[in-house]
Amino acid sequence: MQMSFKHKGEEAWLFGKGPSLDSFSMEDAGKLRATVNHACFVVPEPTYCFSCFEDYQEIKPPVGCDYITGEGKRIVGEIKDYSIGDLFLKYSSAELAASYLISCGIAVLHLIGFDPARKYSSQFTWGNRELSDEDISIRFMIKNNIQDMAALADVDVYDYGSNA
């Protein structure tokens, strides 16, 4: 699949489910808004919603939002291989989203809600559930992978989350 540069030079805002989502003012986000999994329910007017895992297939994103899924099954604790058409990726939903946006030619990527923290954003009903050390390690690895992908493509990254 030939990737177009339909977002060449644009700023993209990528939203996860971490606690920095609580303190971020949505008025500060630009028009190109991408969400990961359930974040599409709390981010106004998302452009894209990304999800790789079958347990998120029940997500019905807002009208006007492009829903991009990977193919594959989730195995707990393992990141699987996914594909969109002929574009082959070995990523989580968040890395799939970042890879897609970078492939579309963005110049700047803003990360909100990608905190390797013990809690989710309080905007989700499961927000007070504590995450395991393994979950936090995986989240930290995913955020580092996104930053590495962006650096390779000369995309500037602004991270609104904490590393706590």
Protein backbone atom coordinates (compact mmCIF):
# COMPACT_ATOMS: atom_id res chain seq x y z
CA MET A 1 0.00 0.00 0.00
CA GLN A 2 1.44 3.37 -1.01
CA MET A 3 1.21 5.82 1.89
CA SER A 4 0.17 9.31 0.92
CA PHE A 5 1.55 12.31 2.71
CA LYS A 6 -1.96 13.58 3.40
CA HIS A 7 -0.84 15.22 6.66
CA LYS A 8 2.53 16.52 5.39
CA GLY A 9 3.97 19.13 7.71
CA GLU A 10 0.99 19.06 10.11
CA GLU A 11 0.91 18.78 13.89
CA ALA A 12 -0.81 15.67 15.24
CA TRP A 13 -2.24 15.18 18.72
CA LEU A 14 -2.17 11.57 19.91
CA PHE A 15 -4.28 10.69 22.96
CA GLY A 16 -3.91 7.65 25.19
CA LYS A 17 -5.65 6.81 28.49
CA GLY A 18 -3.09 7.98 31.05
CA PRO A 19 -3.55 10.57 33.80
CA SER A 20 -2.09 13.49 31.80
CA LEU A 21 -5.38 13.38 29.88
CA ASP A 22 -7.03 14.80 33.03
CA SER A 23 -4.93 17.98 33.14
CA PHE A 24 -4.78 18.66 29.40
CA SER A 25 -7.03 21.41 28.03
CA MET A 26 -8.65 20.14 24.82
CA GLU A 27 -8.80 23.71 23.49
CA ASP A 28 -5.00 23.46 23.14
CA ALA A 29 -5.23 20.54 20.71
CA GLY A 30 -5.13 21.15 16.99
CA LYS A 31 -7.53 19.68 14.44
CA LEU A 32 -5.56 16.50 13.68
CA ARG A 33 -6.52 14.39 16.71
CA ALA A 34 -5.82 10.67 16.92
CA THR A 35 -6.96 8.45 19.77
CA VAL A 36 -5.95 5.03 21.00
CA ASN A 37 -8.66 2.56 21.98
CA HIS A 38 -11.24 4.07 24.38
CA ALA A 39 -9.71 7.57 24.32
CA CYS A 40 -12.02 8.31 21.36
CA PHE A 41 -14.88 8.64 23.85
CA VAL A 42 -13.32 11.54 25.80
CA VAL A 43 -11.48 13.46 23.06
CA PRO A 44 -13.75 15.84 21.14
CA GLU A 45 -13.82 15.50 17.34
CA PRO A 46 -11.08 12.91 16.82
CA THR A 47 -9.82 12.45 13.27
CA TYR A 48 -8.70 8.85 13.85
CA CYS A 49 -9.28 6.09 16.38
CA PHE A 50 -6.70 3.28 16.44
CA SER A 51 -7.06 -0.17 17.96
CA CYS A 52 -5.18 -3.42 17.37
CA PHE A 53 -6.80 -5.77 19.79
CA GLU A 54 -9.93 -7.86 19.37
CA ASP A 55 -11.13 -6.93 22.85
CA TYR A 56 -11.53 -3.36 21.55
CA GLN A 57 -13.52 -4.32 18.46
CA GLU A 58 -16.72 -3.28 20.26
CA ILE A 59 -15.56 0.35 20.13
CA LYS A 60 -17.87 2.48 18.02
CA PRO A 61 -15.94 5.70 17.40
CA PRO A 62 -17.71 9.04 16.96
CA VAL A 63 -19.28 9.84 13.59
CA GLY A 64 -16.71 11.34 11.23
CA CYS A 65 -13.78 9.58 12.91
CA ASP A 66 -11.78 7.12 10.80
CA TYR A 67 -11.43 3.84 12.73
CA ILE A 68 -8.15 2.09 11.90
CA THR A 69 -7.58 -1.39 13.25
CA GLY A 70 -4.76 -3.85 13.03
CA GLU A 71 -5.35 -7.51 12.36
CA GLY A 72 -4.43 -10.03 14.99
CA LYS A 73 -5.23 -11.22 18.48
CA ARG A 74 -4.05 -9.91 21.79
CA ILE A 75 -1.99 -12.23 23.93
CA VAL A 76 -1.50 -10.77 27.41
CA GLY A 77 1.99 -9.38 27.89
CA GLU A 78 2.99 -9.79 24.25
CA ILE A 79 2.94 -7.30 21.41
CA LYS A 80 1.84 -9.02 18.24
CA ASP A 81 2.27 -8.37 14.49
CA TYR A 82 -0.41 -6.33 12.76
CA SER A 83 -1.01 -5.08 9.25
CA ILE A 84 -3.03 -2.34 7.57
CA GLY A 85 -3.30 -3.38 3.96
CA ASP A 86 0.26 -3.94 2.83
CA LEU A 87 1.76 -1.84 5.62
CA PHE A 88 3.24 -4.34 8.09
CA LEU A 89 3.75 -3.29 11.69
CA LYS A 90 4.85 -4.99 14.90
CA TYR A 91 3.32 -2.68 17.45
CA SER A 92 0.75 -1.90 20.08
CA SER A 93 -2.29 0.25 19.23
CA ALA A 94 -0.36 3.38 20.28
CA GLU A 95 2.66 2.50 18.13
CA LEU A 96 0.34 1.66 15.23
CA ALA A 97 -1.20 5.13 15.57
CA ALA A 98 2.17 6.91 15.74
CA SER A 99 3.54 4.90 12.82
CA TYR A 100 0.51 5.72 10.69
CA LEU A 101 0.68 9.44 11.48
CA ILE A 102 4.42 9.58 10.83
CA SER A 103 3.88 7.74 7.52
CA CYS A 104 1.34 10.43 6.60
CA GLY A 105 4.07 13.06 6.81
CA ILE A 106 3.39 14.86 10.10
CA ALA A 107 6.08 17.24 11.36
CA VAL A 108 5.09 17.37 15.04
CA LEU A 109 3.58 14.75 17.36
CA HIS A 110 2.02 15.71 20.69
CA LEU A 111 1.58 12.84 23.19
CA ILE A 112 -1.16 13.17 25.81
CA GLY A 113 -2.16 10.33 28.11
CA PHE A 114 0.94 8.20 27.58
CA ASP A 115 2.11 8.24 31.17
CA PRO A 116 3.82 5.11 32.45
CA ALA A 117 1.86 5.60 35.68
CA ARG A 118 -0.07 3.43 38.15
CA LYS A 119 -3.48 4.77 37.10
CA TYR A 120 -5.56 5.52 34.03
CA SER A 121 -7.16 8.90 33.49
CA SER A 122 -10.04 9.50 35.91
CA GLN A 123 -12.27 10.02 32.84
CA PHE A 124 -12.59 6.25 32.51
CA THR A 125 -14.66 4.14 34.90
CA TRP A 126 -11.69 1.85 35.45
CA GLY A 127 -9.42 4.88 36.15
CA ASN A 128 -8.85 4.01 39.80
CA ARG A 129 -7.63 0.48 39.06
CA GLU A 130 -3.95 0.19 39.87
CA LEU A 131 -1.64 -1.05 37.12
CA SER A 132 1.03 -3.70 37.66
CA ASP A 133 4.78 -3.10 37.37
CA GLU A 134 4.70 -5.13 34.14
CA ASP A 135 1.96 -2.87 32.69
CA ILE A 136 3.99 0.21 33.59
CA SER A 137 7.14 -1.25 31.99
CA ILE A 138 5.23 -2.01 28.79
CA ARG A 139 3.80 1.52 28.70
CA PHE A 140 7.27 3.01 29.19
CA MET A 141 8.65 0.83 26.38
CA ILE A 142 5.80 1.84 24.04
CA LYS A 143 6.35 5.55 24.69
CA ASN A 144 10.10 5.16 24.07
CA ASN A 145 9.39 3.28 20.83
CA ILE A 146 7.10 6.09 19.65
CA GLN A 147 9.78 8.68 20.43
CA ASP A 148 12.40 6.59 18.59
CA MET A 149 10.16 6.21 15.50
CA ALA A 150 9.55 9.96 15.47
CA ALA A 151 13.27 10.73 15.81
CA LEU A 152 14.10 8.47 12.85
CA ALA A 153 11.54 10.35 10.73
CA ASP A 154 12.73 13.77 12.00
CA VAL A 155 9.37 14.42 13.68
CA ASP A 156 9.38 16.62 16.78
CA VAL A 157 7.68 15.09 19.85
CA TYR A 158 6.11 16.97 22.74
CA ASP A 159 5.20 14.76 25.68
CA TYR A 160 2.55 16.10 28.08
CA GLY A 161 2.79 13.10 30.40
CA SER A 162 4.94 12.25 33.35
CA ASN A 163 7.48 9.50 33.72
CA ALA A 164 6.32 8.67 37.24
